[in-house]
C-alpha atoms as a PDB file:
ATOM      1  CA  MET A   1      15.541   2.456 -10.462  1.00  0.00           C
ATOM      2  CA  LYS A   2      12.136   1.208 -11.564  1.00  0.00           C
ATOM      3  CA  VAL A   3      10.502  -1.596  -9.590  1.00  0.00           C
ATOM      4  CA  LYS A   4       7.578  -3.384 -11.188  1.00  0.00           C
ATOM      5  CA  LEU A   5       5.007  -4.127  -8.500  1.00  0.00           C
ATOM      6  CA  PRO A   6       3.863  -7.738  -8.343  1.00  0.00           C
ATOM      7  CA  ARG A   7       0.172  -8.573  -8.368  1.00  0.00           C
ATOM      8  CA  LYS A   8       0.642 -10.402  -5.073  1.00  0.00           C
ATOM      9  CA  ILE A   9       2.837  -9.817  -2.056  1.00  0.00           C
ATOM     10  CA  LYS A  10       3.671 -12.187   0.764  1.00  0.00           C
ATOM     11  CA  ILE A  11       4.139 -11.030   4.349  1.00  0.00           C
ATOM     12  CA  GLY A  12       4.859 -13.827   6.795  1.00  0.00           C
ATOM     13  CA  THR A  13       2.897 -16.809   5.490  1.00  0.00           C
ATOM     14  CA  HIS A  14       0.080 -14.659   4.061  1.00  0.00           C
ATOM     15  CA  THR A  15      -0.291 -13.757   0.396  1.00  0.00           C
ATOM     16  CA  TYR A  16      -2.278 -10.646  -0.510  1.00  0.00           C
ATOM     17  CA  LYS A  17      -3.419  -9.568  -3.948  1.00  0.00           C
ATOM     18  CA  ILE A  18      -2.869  -5.904  -4.936  1.00  0.00           C
ATOM     19  CA  ILE A  19      -5.737  -4.524  -7.014  1.00  0.00           C
ATOM     20  CA  PHE A  20      -7.052  -1.179  -8.188  1.00  0.00           C
ATOM     21  CA  SER A  21     -10.505  -0.138  -7.051  1.00  0.00           C
ATOM     22  CA  PRO A  22     -12.522   2.784  -8.452  1.00  0.00           C
ATOM     23  CA  HIS A  23     -14.864   2.659  -5.437  1.00  0.00           C
ATOM     24  CA  LEU A  24     -12.763   3.925  -2.535  1.00  0.00           C
ATOM     25  CA  ASN A  25     -13.807   7.126  -0.791  1.00  0.00           C
ATOM     26  CA  SER A  26     -11.024   9.507  -1.752  1.00  0.00           C
ATOM     27  CA  ASP A  27     -12.795  12.426  -0.043  1.00  0.00           C
ATOM     28  CA  ASP A  28     -11.996  10.787   3.299  1.00  0.00           C
ATOM     29  CA  ARG A  29      -8.377  10.164   2.263  1.00  0.00           C
ATOM     30  CA  ASP A  30      -9.117   6.506   1.637  1.00  0.00           C
ATOM     31  CA  PHE A  31      -6.618   5.985  -1.148  1.00  0.00           C
ATOM     32  CA  GLY A  32      -6.085   2.405  -0.028  1.00  0.00           C
ATOM     33  CA  GLN A  33      -7.881  -0.309   1.877  1.00  0.00           C
ATOM     34  CA  ILE A  34      -6.998  -3.753   3.146  1.00  0.00           C
ATOM     35  CA  ASN A  35      -9.400  -6.662   3.473  1.00  0.00           C
ATOM     36  CA  TYR A  36      -8.016  -9.366   5.758  1.00  0.00           C
ATOM     37  CA  ARG A  37     -10.837 -11.800   4.912  1.00  0.00           C
ATOM     38  CA  THR A  38     -10.354 -11.719   1.130  1.00  0.00           C
ATOM     39  CA  GLN A  39      -6.615 -11.015   1.414  1.00  0.00           C
ATOM     40  CA  GLU A  40      -6.721  -8.013  -0.892  1.00  0.00           C
ATOM     41  CA  ILE A  41      -5.046  -4.630  -0.817  1.00  0.00           C
ATOM     42  CA  LYS A  42      -7.130  -2.161  -2.820  1.00  0.00           C
ATOM     43  CA  ILE A  43      -5.658   1.058  -4.171  1.00  0.00           C
ATOM     44  CA  TRP A  44      -7.882   3.812  -5.534  1.00  0.00           C
ATOM     45  CA  THR A  45      -7.658   3.715  -9.325  1.00  0.00           C
ATOM     46  CA  GLU A  46      -7.672   7.497  -9.799  1.00  0.00           C
ATOM     47  CA  ALA A  47      -5.060   8.381  -7.172  1.00  0.00           C
ATOM     48  CA  PRO A  48      -1.965  10.192  -8.457  1.00  0.00           C
ATOM     49  CA  GLY A  49       1.233   8.116  -8.462  1.00  0.00           C
ATOM     50  CA  SER A  50       2.650   9.489  -5.216  1.00  0.00           C
ATOM     51  CA  LEU A  51      -0.629   8.820  -3.378  1.00  0.00           C
ATOM     52  CA  LYS A  52      -0.808   5.289  -4.788  1.00  0.00           C
ATOM     53  CA  ASN A  53       2.701   4.670  -3.495  1.00  0.00           C
ATOM     54  CA  ILE A  54       1.916   5.988  -0.014  1.00  0.00           C
ATOM     55  CA  ALA A  55      -1.399   4.106   0.087  1.00  0.00           C
ATOM     56  CA  LEU A  56       0.325   0.825  -0.750  1.00  0.00           C
ATOM     57  CA  LEU A  57       3.010   1.338   1.902  1.00  0.00           C
ATOM     58  CA  HIS A  58       0.347   2.373   4.435  1.00  0.00           C
ATOM     59  CA  GLU A  59      -1.734  -0.757   3.782  1.00  0.00           C
ATOM     60  CA  ILE A  60       1.360  -2.985   3.951  1.00  0.00           C
ATOM     61  CA  MET A  61       2.077  -1.453   7.368  1.00  0.00           C
ATOM     62  CA  HIS A  62      -1.491  -2.344   8.433  1.00  0.00           C
ATOM     63  CA  LEU A  63      -0.927  -5.867   7.154  1.00  0.00           C
ATOM     64  CA  SER A  64       2.258  -6.165   9.172  1.00  0.00           C
ATOM     65  CA  GLN A  65       0.440  -4.772  12.208  1.00  0.00           C
ATOM     66  CA  HIS A  66      -2.327  -7.352  11.780  1.00  0.00           C
ATOM     67  CA  ILE A  67      -0.082 -10.362  11.162  1.00  0.00           C
ATOM     68  CA  TYR A  68       2.449  -9.641  13.888  1.00  0.00           C
ATOM     69  CA  ARG A  69      -0.102  -8.257  16.399  1.00  0.00           C
ATOM     70  CA  VAL A  70       1.614  -4.885  16.812  1.00  0.00           C
ATOM     71  CA  GLU A  71      -0.439  -2.061  18.316  1.00  0.00           C
ATOM     72  CA  VAL A  72       0.154   1.120  16.326  1.00  0.00           C
ATOM     73  CA  SER A  73      -2.194   4.043  15.742  1.00  0.00           C
ATOM     74  CA  ASP A  74      -3.294   4.959  12.226  1.00  0.00           C
ATOM     75  CA  ALA A  75      -1.455   8.277  12.606  1.00  0.00           C
ATOM     76  CA  ASP A  76       1.746   6.392  13.440  1.00  0.00           C
ATOM     77  CA  ILE A  77       1.244   4.151  10.405  1.00  0.00           C
ATOM     78  CA  ASP A  78       0.886   7.313   8.291  1.00  0.00           C
ATOM     79  CA  ARG A  79       4.199   8.604   9.638  1.00  0.00           C
ATOM     80  CA  MET A  80       5.988   5.267   9.133  1.00  0.00           C
ATOM     81  CA  ALA A  81       4.681   4.943   5.557  1.00  0.00           C
ATOM     82  CA  GLU A  82       5.850   8.484   4.776  1.00  0.00           C
ATOM     83  CA  THR A  83       9.276   7.715   6.242  1.00  0.00           C
ATOM     84  CA  ILE A  84       9.648   4.546   4.166  1.00  0.00           C
ATOM     85  CA  ALA A  85       8.470   6.473   1.094  1.00  0.00           C
ATOM     86  CA  GLU A  86      11.053   9.190   1.751  1.00  0.00           C
ATOM     87  CA  LEU A  87      13.780   6.556   1.881  1.00  0.00           C
ATOM     88  CA  LEU A  88      12.628   4.587  -1.172  1.00  0.00           C
ATOM     89  CA  PHE A  89      11.604   7.369  -3.523  1.00  0.00           C
ATOM     90  CA  ASN A  90      13.676  10.406  -2.555  1.00  0.00           C
ATOM     91  CA  ASN A  91      16.898   8.822  -1.336  1.00  0.00           C
ATOM     92  CA  LEU A  92      17.172   5.499  -3.159  1.00  0.00           C
ATOM     93  CA  HIS A  93      15.377   6.876  -6.263  1.00  0.00           C
ATOM     94  CA  ILE A  94      13.100   3.874  -6.604  1.00  0.00           C
ATOM     95  CA  GLU A  95      10.038   4.278  -8.792  1.00  0.00           C
ATOM     96  CA  PHE A  96       7.090   1.880  -8.524  1.00  0.00           C
ATOM     97  CA  VAL A  97       5.711   0.671 -11.856  1.00  0.00           C
ATOM     98  CA  TRP A  98       2.013  -0.177 -11.557  1.00  0.00           C
ATOM     99  CA  ASP A  99       1.531  -1.712 -15.039  1.00  0.00           C
ATOM    100  CA  ASP A 100       0.532  -5.221 -13.858  1.00  0.00           C
ATOM    101  CA  ILE A 101      -1.997  -4.098 -11.252  1.00  0.00           C
ATOM    102  CA  ARG A 102      -5.627  -4.478 -12.350  1.00  0.00           C
ATOM    103  CA  GLU A 103      -9.135  -4.020 -10.977  1.00  0.00           C
END
């Protein structure tokens, strides 16, 4: 099942814009980045589809951590994002469609 990603997501009472960014440091595995001040989730433009998906889930986990004041290590967020991805993509056969996301 294909799911078209919205340009904005809302977690709690906070709305964050999802955008592509060509300027993330992919050499350091920075395929995504969240900016709490500007309320933006940036995903590296050149990342392959599976890495874009994981990066988005990872940054959403950081957003949840920030909003709900949950202490979780970055390694744990990696594991949780991978687990959610496994469920969504491999078991429920969901495919994210990134067509509306822009720089």
